[in-house]
C-alpha atoms as a PDB file:
ATOM      1  CA  MET A   1     -33.057 115.562  82.453  1.00  0.00           C
ATOM      2  CA  GLN A   2     -34.408 116.890  85.741  1.00  0.00           C
ATOM      3  CA  MET A   3     -32.761 119.452  88.010  1.00  0.00           C
ATOM      4  CA  LEU A   4     -32.916 118.191  91.589  1.00  0.00           C
ATOM      5  CA  TYR A   5     -30.894 120.814  93.436  1.00  0.00           C
ATOM      6  CA  ASP A   6     -29.501 124.275  92.760  1.00  0.00           C
ATOM      7  CA  SER A   7     -27.647 126.385  95.319  1.00  0.00           C
ATOM      8  CA  GLU A   8     -24.828 128.914  95.308  1.00  0.00           C
ATOM      9  CA  SER A   9     -22.334 126.029  95.482  1.00  0.00           C
ATOM     10  CA  PHE A  10     -23.852 123.043  93.648  1.00  0.00           C
ATOM     11  CA  ILE A  11     -26.229 121.880  90.942  1.00  0.00           C
ATOM     12  CA  VAL A  12     -27.514 118.295  90.798  1.00  0.00           C
ATOM     13  CA  VAL A  13     -29.219 116.983  87.666  1.00  0.00           C
ATOM     14  CA  HIS A  14     -30.812 113.556  87.193  1.00  0.00           C
ATOM     15  CA  MET A  15     -30.035 112.293  83.710  1.00  0.00           C
ATOM     16  CA  GLN A  16     -32.607 109.742  82.571  1.00  0.00           C
ATOM     17  CA  ALA A  17     -32.208 107.267  79.729  1.00  0.00           C
ATOM     18  CA  ASN A  18     -34.149 108.078  76.581  1.00  0.00           C
ATOM     19  CA  GLU A  19     -37.315 106.127  75.937  1.00  0.00           C
ATOM     20  CA  PRO A  20     -37.087 103.961  72.803  1.00  0.00           C
ATOM     21  CA  GLU A  21     -38.997 105.090  69.731  1.00  0.00           C
ATOM     22  CA  PRO A  22     -42.337 103.326  69.157  1.00  0.00           C
ATOM     23  CA  GLY A  23     -41.705  99.916  67.651  1.00  0.00           C
ATOM     24  CA  GLU A  24     -38.048  99.809  68.720  1.00  0.00           C
ATOM     25  CA  PRO A  25     -36.954  97.251  71.290  1.00  0.00           C
ATOM     26  CA  PRO A  26     -35.871  98.622  74.660  1.00  0.00           C
ATOM     27  CA  PRO A  27     -32.097  98.880  75.135  1.00  0.00           C
ATOM     28  CA  ALA A  28     -30.405  95.919  76.780  1.00  0.00           C
ATOM     29  CA  LEU A  29     -28.859  98.177  79.400  1.00  0.00           C
ATOM     30  CA  VAL A  30     -30.700 101.320  80.487  1.00  0.00           C
ATOM     31  CA  ARG A  31     -28.427 103.759  82.279  1.00  0.00           C
ATOM     32  CA  HIS A  32     -29.518 106.609  84.483  1.00  0.00           C
ATOM     33  CA  GLY A  33     -27.124 108.909  86.258  1.00  0.00           C
ATOM     34  CA  PHE A  34     -26.579 112.092  88.189  1.00  0.00           C
ATOM     35  CA  GLU A  35     -24.428 115.051  87.275  1.00  0.00           C
ATOM     36  CA  ILE A  36     -23.077 117.101  90.165  1.00  0.00           C
ATOM     37  CA  VAL A  37     -21.601 120.483  89.331  1.00  0.00           C
ATOM     38  CA  ASP A  38     -19.396 122.213  91.870  1.00  0.00           C
ATOM     39  CA  LYS A  39     -19.842 125.909  91.117  1.00  0.00           C
ATOM     40  CA  ARG A  40     -16.972 126.813  93.432  1.00  0.00           C
ATOM     41  CA  THR A  41     -14.371 124.958  91.332  1.00  0.00           C
ATOM     42  CA  ASN A  42     -16.232 124.904  87.986  1.00  0.00           C
ATOM     43  CA  LYS A  43     -15.890 121.114  87.821  1.00  0.00           C
ATOM     44  CA  GLU A  44     -18.440 118.363  87.358  1.00  0.00           C
ATOM     45  CA  VAL A  45     -18.730 114.671  88.070  1.00  0.00           C
ATOM     46  CA  TYR A  46     -21.148 112.206  86.471  1.00  0.00           C
ATOM     47  CA  LEU A  47     -22.341 109.341  88.652  1.00  0.00           C
ATOM     48  CA  ASP A  48     -23.652 106.201  86.981  1.00  0.00           C
ATOM     49  CA  GLY A  49     -23.774 102.507  87.798  1.00  0.00           C
ATOM     50  CA  SER A  50     -23.151 101.697  91.446  1.00  0.00           C
ATOM     51  CA  TRP A  51     -22.260 105.346  92.223  1.00  0.00           C
ATOM     52  CA  ALA A  52     -25.665 106.446  90.911  1.00  0.00           C
ATOM     53  CA  GLU A  53     -27.394 103.714  92.922  1.00  0.00           C
ATOM     54  CA  MET A  54     -25.617 104.864  96.083  1.00  0.00           C
ATOM     55  CA  PHE A  55     -26.554 108.492  95.408  1.00  0.00           C
ATOM     56  CA  GLN A  56     -30.176 107.459  94.733  1.00  0.00           C
ATOM     57  CA  ARG A  57     -30.261 105.781  98.156  1.00  0.00           C
ATOM     58  CA  GLN A  58     -29.050 109.072  99.659  1.00  0.00           C
ATOM     59  CA  ILE A  59     -31.857 110.950  97.879  1.00  0.00           C
ATOM     60  CA  ASN A  60     -34.392 108.403  99.154  1.00  0.00           C
ATOM     61  CA  ALA A  61     -33.096 108.905 102.716  1.00  0.00           C
ATOM     62  CA  TRP A  62     -33.437 112.675 102.297  1.00  0.00           C
ATOM     63  CA  GLN A  63     -37.052 112.195 101.235  1.00  0.00           C
ATOM     64  CA  LEU A  64     -37.790 110.328 104.471  1.00  0.00           C
ATOM     65  CA  LYS A  65     -36.056 112.895 106.681  1.00  0.00           C
ATOM     66  CA  THR A  66     -35.655 116.355 105.194  1.00  0.00           C
ATOM     67  CA  PRO A  67     -32.038 117.424 105.658  1.00  0.00           C
ATOM     68  CA  SER A  68     -30.725 120.894 106.301  1.00  0.00           C
ATOM     69  CA  GLN A  69     -28.973 122.701 103.472  1.00  0.00           C
ATOM     70  CA  GLU A  70     -25.691 122.226 105.341  1.00  0.00           C
ATOM     71  CA  GLU A  71     -26.222 118.439 105.410  1.00  0.00           C
ATOM     72  CA  VAL A  72     -26.984 118.341 101.683  1.00  0.00           C
ATOM     73  CA  GLU A  73     -23.988 120.542 100.839  1.00  0.00           C
ATOM     74  CA  SER A  74     -21.710 118.356 102.973  1.00  0.00           C
ATOM     75  CA  VAL A  75     -22.738 115.193 101.102  1.00  0.00           C
ATOM     76  CA  LEU A  76     -22.417 116.935  97.725  1.00  0.00           C
ATOM     77  CA  ALA A  77     -18.968 118.235  98.677  1.00  0.00           C
ATOM     78  CA  GLY A  78     -17.887 114.641  99.267  1.00  0.00           C
ATOM     79  CA  TYR A  79     -19.000 113.619  95.792  1.00  0.00           C
ATOM     80  CA  ALA A  80     -17.502 116.800  94.313  1.00  0.00           C
ATOM     81  CA  GLU A  81     -14.082 115.603  95.464  1.00  0.00           C
ATOM     82  CA  LEU A  82     -14.362 113.053  92.643  1.00  0.00           C
ATOM     83  CA  ALA A  83     -14.825 115.843  90.090  1.00  0.00           C
ATOM     84  CA  GLN A  84     -11.991 116.074  87.603  1.00  0.00           C
ATOM     85  CA  ASN A  85     -13.818 117.341  84.526  1.00  0.00           C
ATOM     86  CA  PRO A  86     -13.796 121.093  83.977  1.00  0.00           C
ATOM     87  CA  LEU A  87     -17.221 122.526  83.378  1.00  0.00           C
ATOM     88  CA  VAL A  88     -17.708 123.338  79.689  1.00  0.00           C
ATOM     89  CA  MET A  89     -20.647 125.402  78.517  1.00  0.00           C
ATOM     90  CA  HIS A  90     -22.115 124.652  75.091  1.00  0.00           C
END
């Protein structure tokens, strides 16, 4: 797990698949994803599969051309519209 972004409005975390134990075969399907937490609504959305791939392309584009905070927040707000899960602290 790696925190990629933290602002007053959003948190973005990259969730990486666990490495197999020594001697164990690798999993047939390795899944990585991104969790986006909207602090304003206390909801979160988890992106995996094609959603995660699309978000990864966005991150790659940001690495080529550094966006403003407003640009980042605008993109995250679009993904946050998908959020239906209330944030639960453990």
